[in-house]
Amino acid sequence: MGESPDMPGTVLARSPRAALARLHRDPREQWPEHARRLYHHLVALYGEEDPLPTLAAGWIAHQRSTNTQKTYARGFRVFEEYVREHGVNPLQTTFMLADTFSTYLETAPTWVRAKGGAKGEMARTGPPYSDASRANALSAASSFFDYLDKVDDTAVRSNPFAGVLRPAIDPDYSPTEGLTEEQTALLLLTARDHHQPAAYRPRAYALLLMLYTVCLRIDSALAARVEDLGYDKGHHVINARIKGGARKKKAIPPHAWDALMTHLDGRTEEFLFQTASGGPLDEPSVWRLIRSLARRAGLPQADSIHPHVMKHNAITHALAKPNARIDRVQEWADHKDSRTTGRYNRRRGLLDDSPGYDLAASMAGALEQATTRA
């Protein structure tokens, strides 16, 4: 609490809504998409007078990257639903409730599309949350309460998730399934020649090539605009927004550049990859696209492949090249730590490298010789 400098004796309200109401323009108008979505979702549940929608959405808007905003908003919804079902406003969460939320995530079914249901209908019938998903949900909730300590002066609270144990995550494990270079080439060929409708073939081919040869994350590719393309020191480049929100110039190889120019067909503005109506292409559409292409190509990973596989493949294949240097691949992949690049490298656990194959071949020969002698 404090006094207004213009009206001595008048106590200033310190709630989020009251603070916003004193401004000439509502800053919520500048919130990014995932903050606005979470705000409207929570307003429908708690009403505009409750401080939770503004605080939660402000916290999402505070995150630097779109990917973190999306991940935290998704994790917060899981947490909010759990405590609401226990009759508690998330702002009143105790350590005991936070700790039981962690336990709940170990067995709780996940939301999946309802079989035979209406379009967009979801049901809690999916497998339990993975260790990584549980860790993300707990990190999101903990980050929210850390944010409250910075902005909310209406109450003094400690972070109830500070003492909650997180799942033990193997730093070298990655669930992403890899493709061989031959499978990747087949996927790209399918995108170029066989995907329907024909008008979208250049877009699909250029998108996958940019993910693979420029080592882009899918969110970076979809956020990129034609205006981000350029030329620097003899290289075609894209000024891409990488993880963490920073921008970085990345070289576009000639083959990918040609595919990109074919796709753009002279267009000089707006998003690089957009819908027929001119809006940005979204990630669910790309998930459907790449799985459709994988099925057409006859790939065994067709039901589990996703856009980020292209970056995993790119790093693995780059590191397998003669004289490959991990520091160069690390820089190209936009990783701050070489250990991250190593985790992306599917070659480490490549089944082709299993010593069991050599042992089995030797044993088969020994057995055949023993049979012949007998």
Protein backbone atom coordinates (compact mmCIF):
# COMPACT_ATOMS: atom_id res chain seq x y z
CA MET A 1 0.00 0.00 0.00
CA GLY A 2 1.06 3.63 -0.54
CA GLU A 3 -0.24 7.18 -0.90
CA SER A 4 -0.93 8.89 -4.22
CA PRO A 5 1.57 11.72 -4.86
CA ASP A 6 -1.25 13.73 -6.47
CA MET A 7 -3.82 13.10 -3.75
CA PRO A 8 -2.19 12.86 -0.29
CA GLY A 9 -4.11 10.62 2.03
CA THR A 10 -5.49 8.52 -0.81
CA VAL A 11 -4.38 4.92 -0.57
CA LEU A 12 -3.30 3.31 -3.84
CA ALA A 13 -4.66 -0.15 -4.52
CA ARG A 14 -1.89 -2.61 -5.29
CA SER A 15 -3.98 -5.31 -7.00
CA PRO A 16 -3.17 -6.11 -10.64
CA ARG A 17 -6.54 -4.93 -11.94
CA ALA A 18 -6.40 -1.66 -10.01
CA ALA A 19 -2.84 -1.01 -11.18
CA LEU A 20 -3.84 -1.56 -14.81
CA ALA A 21 -6.92 0.62 -14.44
CA ARG A 22 -4.75 3.66 -13.62
CA LEU A 23 -2.98 3.50 -16.98
CA HIS A 24 -4.15 5.45 -20.03
CA ARG A 25 -3.82 2.36 -22.21
CA ASP A 26 -4.33 -1.22 -21.08
CA PRO A 27 -1.01 -3.10 -21.55
CA ARG A 28 -2.98 -6.32 -21.96
CA GLU A 29 -3.58 -5.21 -25.54
CA GLN A 30 0.11 -5.96 -26.17
CA TRP A 31 0.05 -9.45 -24.70
CA PRO A 32 1.22 -12.25 -27.00
CA GLU A 33 -1.18 -14.91 -28.21
CA HIS A 34 -0.62 -17.52 -25.48
CA ALA A 35 -1.02 -14.91 -22.72
CA ARG A 36 -4.31 -13.71 -24.19
CA ARG A 37 -5.59 -17.24 -24.59
CA LEU A 38 -4.78 -18.12 -20.97
CA TYR A 39 -6.35 -14.88 -19.77
CA HIS A 40 -9.68 -15.54 -21.51
CA HIS A 41 -9.66 -19.16 -20.35
CA LEU A 42 -9.21 -18.12 -16.72
CA VAL A 43 -11.68 -15.23 -16.91
CA ALA A 44 -14.34 -17.71 -18.03
CA LEU A 45 -13.62 -19.75 -14.88
CA TYR A 46 -12.91 -17.09 -12.24
CA GLY A 47 -14.36 -13.86 -13.59
CA GLU A 48 -12.63 -10.55 -14.28
CA GLU A 49 -12.60 -9.47 -10.63
CA ASP A 50 -10.33 -12.31 -9.59
CA PRO A 51 -6.63 -11.33 -9.87
CA LEU A 52 -5.61 -14.79 -11.14
CA PRO A 53 -6.34 -14.26 -14.88
CA THR A 54 -4.31 -11.03 -15.04
CA LEU A 55 -1.43 -12.39 -12.97
CA ALA A 56 -1.19 -15.67 -14.88
CA ALA A 57 -1.41 -14.03 -18.29
CA GLY A 58 1.08 -11.35 -17.27
CA TRP A 59 3.46 -14.10 -16.21
CA ILE A 60 3.14 -15.80 -19.61
CA ALA A 61 3.72 -12.48 -21.40
CA HIS A 62 6.84 -12.01 -19.26
CA GLN A 63 8.53 -15.06 -20.83
CA ARG A 64 11.04 -14.27 -23.56
CA SER A 65 10.29 -16.88 -26.19
CA THR A 66 7.06 -18.01 -27.81
CA ASN A 67 7.99 -21.62 -27.16
CA THR A 68 8.35 -21.00 -23.40
CA GLN A 69 5.07 -19.07 -23.37
CA LYS A 70 3.29 -21.99 -25.00
CA THR A 71 4.90 -24.64 -22.80
CA TYR A 72 4.29 -22.75 -19.55
CA ALA A 73 0.69 -21.92 -20.47
CA ARG A 74 0.00 -25.58 -21.19
CA GLY A 75 1.62 -26.69 -17.94
CA PHE A 76 -0.24 -24.06 -15.93
CA ARG A 77 -3.59 -25.26 -17.27
CA VAL A 78 -2.86 -28.76 -15.97
CA PHE A 79 -1.96 -27.35 -12.54
CA GLU A 80 -4.94 -24.98 -12.43
CA GLU A 81 -7.39 -27.75 -13.32
CA TYR A 82 -6.02 -29.95 -10.56
CA VAL A 83 -6.26 -27.40 -7.74
CA ARG A 84 -9.66 -26.15 -8.94
CA GLU A 85 -11.01 -29.70 -8.70
CA HIS A 86 -9.88 -29.61 -5.07
CA GLY A 87 -11.83 -26.40 -4.46
CA VAL A 88 -8.74 -24.19 -4.23
CA ASN A 89 -7.84 -21.03 -6.09
CA PRO A 90 -4.31 -21.48 -7.49
CA LEU A 91 -3.20 -18.36 -5.61
CA GLN A 92 -3.92 -20.21 -2.34
CA THR A 93 -1.87 -23.31 -3.17
CA THR A 94 0.00 -24.82 -0.24
CA PHE A 95 3.09 -27.03 -0.27
CA MET A 96 0.99 -30.08 0.56
CA LEU A 97 -1.27 -29.50 -2.43
CA ALA A 98 1.70 -28.78 -4.70
CA ASP A 99 3.37 -31.98 -3.55
CA THR A 100 0.27 -34.09 -4.18
CA PHE A 101 -0.04 -32.47 -7.63
CA SER A 102 3.40 -33.90 -8.40
CA THR A 103 2.22 -37.36 -7.34
CA TYR A 104 -1.01 -36.98 -9.32
CA LEU A 105 0.92 -36.37 -12.53
CA GLU A 106 2.58 -39.79 -12.28
CA THR A 107 -0.67 -41.65 -13.03
CA ALA A 108 -3.11 -39.06 -14.40
CA PRO A 109 -4.38 -39.76 -17.96
CA THR A 110 -3.59 -37.06 -20.49
CA TRP A 111 -5.95 -35.17 -22.78
CA VAL A 112 -6.27 -36.67 -26.28
CA ARG A 113 -8.74 -36.25 -29.11
CA ALA A 114 -11.93 -38.16 -28.35
CA LYS A 115 -12.40 -41.10 -30.72
CA GLY A 116 -15.63 -40.65 -32.61
CA GLY A 117 -16.24 -37.28 -30.94
CA ALA A 118 -16.98 -33.91 -32.46
CA LYS A 119 -14.19 -31.89 -34.06
CA GLY A 120 -11.84 -30.62 -31.37
CA GLU A 121 -13.47 -32.73 -28.64
CA MET A 122 -10.94 -33.93 -26.07
CA ALA A 123 -11.05 -36.69 -23.48
CA ARG A 124 -8.75 -37.68 -20.59
CA THR A 125 -7.97 -41.11 -21.95
CA GLY A 126 -4.32 -40.75 -23.01
CA PRO A 127 -1.26 -42.33 -21.38
CA PRO A 128 0.16 -40.77 -18.19
CA TYR A 129 2.48 -37.79 -18.46
CA SER A 130 6.08 -38.53 -19.36
CA ASP A 131 8.85 -37.56 -16.96
CA ALA A 132 9.68 -34.58 -19.18
CA SER A 133 6.04 -33.43 -19.31
CA ARG A 134 5.72 -33.73 -15.53
CA ALA A 135 8.91 -31.74 -15.06
CA ASN A 136 7.61 -29.06 -17.43
CA ALA A 137 4.29 -28.76 -15.58
CA LEU A 138 6.04 -28.46 -12.20
CA SER A 139 8.54 -25.95 -13.58
CA ALA A 140 5.70 -23.88 -15.01
CA ALA A 141 3.84 -23.76 -11.71
CA SER A 142 7.02 -22.92 -9.80
CA SER A 143 7.87 -20.15 -12.27
CA PHE A 144 4.40 -18.66 -11.77
CA PHE A 145 4.88 -18.35 -8.02
CA ASP A 146 8.36 -16.89 -8.49
CA TYR A 147 6.74 -14.28 -10.73
CA LEU A 148 4.15 -13.47 -8.05
CA ASP A 149 6.94 -12.57 -5.65
CA LYS A 150 8.04 -9.89 -8.12
CA VAL A 151 4.72 -8.30 -9.01
CA ASP A 152 2.05 -9.01 -6.41
CA ASP A 153 2.21 -6.87 -3.29
CA THR A 154 -1.21 -7.93 -2.02
CA ALA A 155 0.17 -10.90 -0.11
CA VAL A 156 3.39 -12.31 1.25
CA ARG A 157 3.80 -15.87 0.10
CA SER A 158 6.52 -18.43 -0.43
CA ASN A 159 6.74 -20.58 -3.52
CA PRO A 160 4.83 -23.79 -2.63
CA PHE A 161 6.73 -25.67 -5.34
CA ALA A 162 10.17 -24.76 -4.00
CA GLY A 163 10.42 -28.02 -2.05
CA VAL A 164 8.58 -30.29 -4.49
CA LEU A 165 10.78 -33.03 -5.94
CA ARG A 166 11.04 -33.06 -9.74
CA PRO A 167 11.28 -36.19 -11.89
CA ALA A 168 14.82 -37.42 -12.45
CA ILE A 169 15.51 -36.70 -16.12
CA ASP A 170 18.34 -38.47 -17.94
CA PRO A 171 20.24 -35.55 -19.53
CA ASP A 172 21.40 -37.81 -22.36
CA TYR A 173 17.96 -39.19 -23.22
CA SER A 174 15.88 -37.91 -26.10
CA PRO A 175 12.55 -39.53 -27.10
CA THR A 176 12.79 -38.18 -30.63
CA GLU A 177 13.00 -40.92 -33.24
CA GLY A 178 15.70 -40.38 -35.84
CA LEU A 179 15.68 -40.89 -39.59
CA THR A 180 18.57 -42.10 -41.69
CA GLU A 181 19.84 -39.79 -44.42
CA GLU A 182 18.11 -42.04 -46.96
CA GLN A 183 14.79 -41.76 -45.10
CA THR A 184 15.19 -38.00 -44.83
CA ALA A 185 15.84 -37.77 -48.57
CA LEU A 186 12.73 -39.87 -49.25
CA LEU A 187 10.64 -37.59 -47.02
CA LEU A 188 11.92 -34.49 -48.84
CA LEU A 189 11.34 -36.11 -52.23
CA THR A 190 7.78 -36.91 -51.22
CA ALA A 191 7.23 -33.32 -50.13
CA ARG A 192 8.56 -32.04 -53.44
CA ASP A 193 6.79 -34.41 -55.82
CA HIS A 194 3.85 -36.21 -54.28
CA HIS A 195 2.03 -34.15 -51.66
CA GLN A 196 -1.43 -32.91 -52.60
CA PRO A 197 -2.77 -30.40 -53.42
CA ALA A 198 -0.11 -29.54 -55.98
CA ALA A 199 -0.18 -25.82 -55.11
CA TYR A 200 1.24 -26.59 -51.65
CA ARG A 201 4.18 -28.75 -52.80
CA PRO A 202 6.70 -25.86 -52.98
CA ARG A 203 5.71 -24.72 -49.47
CA ALA A 204 6.09 -28.18 -47.91
CA TYR A 205 9.41 -28.82 -49.66
CA ALA A 206 10.87 -25.40 -48.77
CA LEU A 207 9.73 -25.68 -45.14
CA LEU A 208 11.30 -29.09 -44.56
CA LEU A 209 14.51 -28.03 -46.31
CA MET A 210 14.76 -24.93 -44.09
CA LEU A 211 14.25 -27.01 -40.95
CA TYR A 212 16.91 -29.49 -42.06
CA THR A 213 19.62 -27.47 -43.84
CA VAL A 214 19.36 -24.29 -41.73
CA CYS A 215 18.81 -26.29 -38.50
CA LEU A 216 15.77 -24.24 -37.49
CA ARG A 217 13.27 -24.98 -34.77
CA ILE A 218 9.73 -25.18 -36.09
CA ASP A 219 8.59 -22.14 -34.10
CA SER A 220 11.46 -20.09 -35.57
CA ALA A 221 10.57 -21.12 -39.11
CA LEU A 222 6.88 -20.33 -38.69
CA ALA A 223 7.58 -16.93 -37.10
CA ALA A 224 9.99 -15.91 -39.88
CA ARG A 225 8.95 -13.30 -42.40
CA VAL A 226 10.09 -12.64 -45.95
CA GLU A 227 11.57 -9.38 -44.67
CA ASP A 228 13.95 -11.49 -42.51
CA LEU A 229 15.74 -12.80 -45.61
CA GLY A 230 18.93 -11.11 -46.76
CA TYR A 231 22.43 -11.40 -48.19
CA ASP A 232 25.64 -11.14 -46.18
CA LYS A 233 29.27 -11.70 -47.21
CA GLY A 234 28.32 -13.88 -50.18
CA HIS A 235 25.66 -15.87 -48.32
CA HIS A 236 21.90 -15.90 -48.51
CA VAL A 237 20.78 -15.55 -44.88
CA ILE A 238 17.76 -15.46 -42.63
CA ASN A 239 17.68 -13.29 -39.52
CA ALA A 240 15.92 -15.92 -37.43
CA ARG A 241 14.57 -15.63 -33.91
CA ILE A 242 16.15 -18.51 -32.00
CA LYS A 243 15.33 -20.11 -28.66
CA GLY A 244 15.43 -17.53 -25.88
CA GLY A 245 14.13 -14.74 -28.09
CA ALA A 246 17.43 -13.52 -29.55
CA ARG A 247 17.97 -13.07 -33.30
CA LYS A 248 20.76 -14.65 -35.29
CA LYS A 249 21.82 -14.63 -38.94
CA LYS A 250 21.88 -18.15 -40.35
CA ALA A 251 23.17 -19.16 -43.76
CA ILE A 252 20.71 -20.67 -46.24
CA PRO A 253 22.37 -23.20 -48.59
CA PRO A 254 21.77 -22.65 -52.34
CA HIS A 255 19.49 -25.69 -52.72
CA ALA A 256 17.25 -24.53 -49.87
CA TRP A 257 17.32 -20.94 -51.17
CA ASP A 258 16.13 -22.07 -54.61
CA ALA A 259 13.29 -24.05 -53.05
CA LEU A 260 12.36 -21.05 -50.90
CA MET A 261 12.30 -18.69 -53.89
CA THR A 262 10.13 -21.15 -55.83
CA HIS A 263 7.74 -21.25 -52.90
CA LEU A 264 7.62 -17.45 -52.47
CA ASP A 265 7.11 -16.93 -56.21
CA GLY A 266 8.09 -13.25 -56.05
CA ARG A 267 6.36 -12.45 -52.73
CA THR A 268 8.35 -9.83 -50.77
CA GLU A 269 6.51 -9.50 -47.46
CA GLU A 270 4.51 -11.28 -44.76
CA PHE A 271 5.25 -14.68 -43.22
CA LEU A 272 7.56 -17.06 -45.06
CA PHE A 273 5.12 -19.92 -44.61
CA GLN A 274 1.48 -18.93 -44.54
CA THR A 275 -1.99 -20.26 -45.13
CA ALA A 276 -4.11 -19.62 -48.20
CA SER A 277 -5.72 -16.69 -46.36
CA GLY A 278 -2.32 -15.08 -45.65
CA GLY A 279 -2.06 -15.94 -41.96
CA PRO A 280 0.94 -17.71 -40.44
CA LEU A 281 1.03 -21.48 -40.76
CA ASP A 282 0.62 -23.06 -37.31
CA GLU A 283 2.40 -26.00 -35.71
CA PRO A 284 -0.58 -28.41 -35.66
CA SER A 285 -0.84 -28.00 -39.44
CA VAL A 286 2.85 -28.84 -39.84
CA TRP A 287 2.49 -31.89 -37.58
CA ARG A 288 -0.32 -33.15 -39.81
CA LEU A 289 1.68 -32.31 -42.93
CA ILE A 290 4.86 -34.15 -41.94
CA ARG A 291 2.97 -37.25 -40.80
CA SER A 292 0.98 -37.29 -44.02
CA LEU A 293 4.22 -37.06 -45.99
CA ALA A 294 5.83 -39.81 -43.88
CA ARG A 295 2.89 -42.12 -44.56
CA ARG A 296 3.11 -41.42 -48.29
CA ALA A 297 6.83 -42.14 -48.14
CA GLY A 298 6.19 -45.41 -46.30
CA LEU A 299 8.36 -44.46 -43.31
CA PRO A 300 7.96 -46.65 -40.20
CA GLN A 301 7.97 -43.51 -37.99
CA ALA A 302 4.88 -42.08 -39.74
CA ASP A 303 2.68 -42.15 -36.62
CA SER A 304 5.24 -40.60 -34.30
CA ILE A 305 7.29 -38.24 -36.46
CA HIS A 306 7.03 -34.51 -35.74
CA PRO A 307 8.62 -31.33 -37.12
CA HIS A 308 11.46 -31.19 -34.58
CA VAL A 309 12.74 -34.50 -35.94
CA MET A 310 14.21 -32.53 -38.84
CA LYS A 311 16.56 -30.64 -36.51
CA HIS A 312 17.55 -33.83 -34.70
CA ASN A 313 18.28 -35.47 -38.04
CA ALA A 314 20.30 -32.49 -39.24
CA ILE A 315 22.57 -32.53 -36.16
CA THR A 316 23.03 -36.31 -36.26
CA HIS A 317 23.85 -36.36 -39.96
CA ALA A 318 26.17 -33.35 -39.69
CA LEU A 319 28.15 -34.96 -36.86
CA ALA A 320 28.49 -38.17 -38.88
CA LYS A 321 30.29 -36.39 -41.71
CA PRO A 322 34.07 -36.89 -42.05
CA ASN A 323 36.03 -34.29 -40.05
CA ALA A 324 32.87 -33.02 -38.37
CA ARG A 325 33.53 -30.62 -35.51
CA ILE A 326 31.06 -30.46 -32.66
CA ASP A 327 31.82 -26.78 -31.99
CA ARG A 328 30.74 -25.85 -35.53
CA VAL A 329 27.63 -28.00 -35.32
CA GLN A 330 26.86 -26.49 -31.91
CA GLU A 331 27.02 -22.97 -33.34
CA TRP A 332 24.89 -23.95 -36.34
CA ALA A 333 22.32 -25.60 -34.08
CA ASP A 334 22.10 -22.49 -31.82
CA HIS A 335 23.05 -24.44 -28.70
CA LYS A 336 24.72 -22.68 -25.77
CA ASP A 337 26.24 -25.91 -24.50
CA SER A 338 27.94 -28.64 -26.53
CA ARG A 339 26.29 -31.21 -24.26
CA THR A 340 22.95 -30.17 -25.72
CA THR A 341 24.32 -30.82 -29.21
CA GLY A 342 25.48 -34.22 -28.01
CA ARG A 343 22.01 -35.09 -26.75
CA TYR A 344 20.58 -34.24 -30.16
CA ASN A 345 23.11 -36.56 -31.79
CA ARG A 346 21.18 -39.74 -32.50
CA ARG A 347 24.40 -41.41 -33.62
CA ARG A 348 25.37 -42.04 -29.98
CA GLY A 349 22.58 -44.55 -29.56
CA LEU A 350 22.22 -45.54 -33.18
CA LEU A 351 21.04 -49.13 -33.41
CA ASP A 352 23.29 -49.68 -36.44
CA ASP A 353 26.28 -49.32 -34.10
CA SER A 354 25.16 -52.03 -31.68
CA PRO A 355 28.09 -54.43 -30.98
CA GLY A 356 25.46 -57.16 -30.78
CA TYR A 357 25.34 -57.34 -34.57
CA ASP A 358 29.03 -58.26 -34.79
CA LEU A 359 28.70 -60.76 -31.95
CA ALA A 360 25.66 -62.37 -33.54
CA ALA A 361 27.37 -62.63 -36.92
CA SER A 362 30.43 -64.26 -35.35
CA MET A 363 28.28 -66.64 -33.34
CA ALA A 364 26.22 -67.55 -36.38
CA GLY A 365 29.44 -68.47 -38.20
CA ALA A 366 30.68 -70.54 -35.28
CA LEU A 367 27.36 -72.37 -35.01
CA GLU A 368 27.36 -73.08 -38.74
CA GLN A 369 30.90 -74.53 -38.53
CA ALA A 370 29.97 -76.65 -35.53
CA THR A 371 26.89 -77.97 -37.37
CA THR A 372 28.96 -78.82 -40.46
CA ARG A 373 31.52 -80.76 -38.39
CA ALA A 374 28.75 -82.66 -36.69
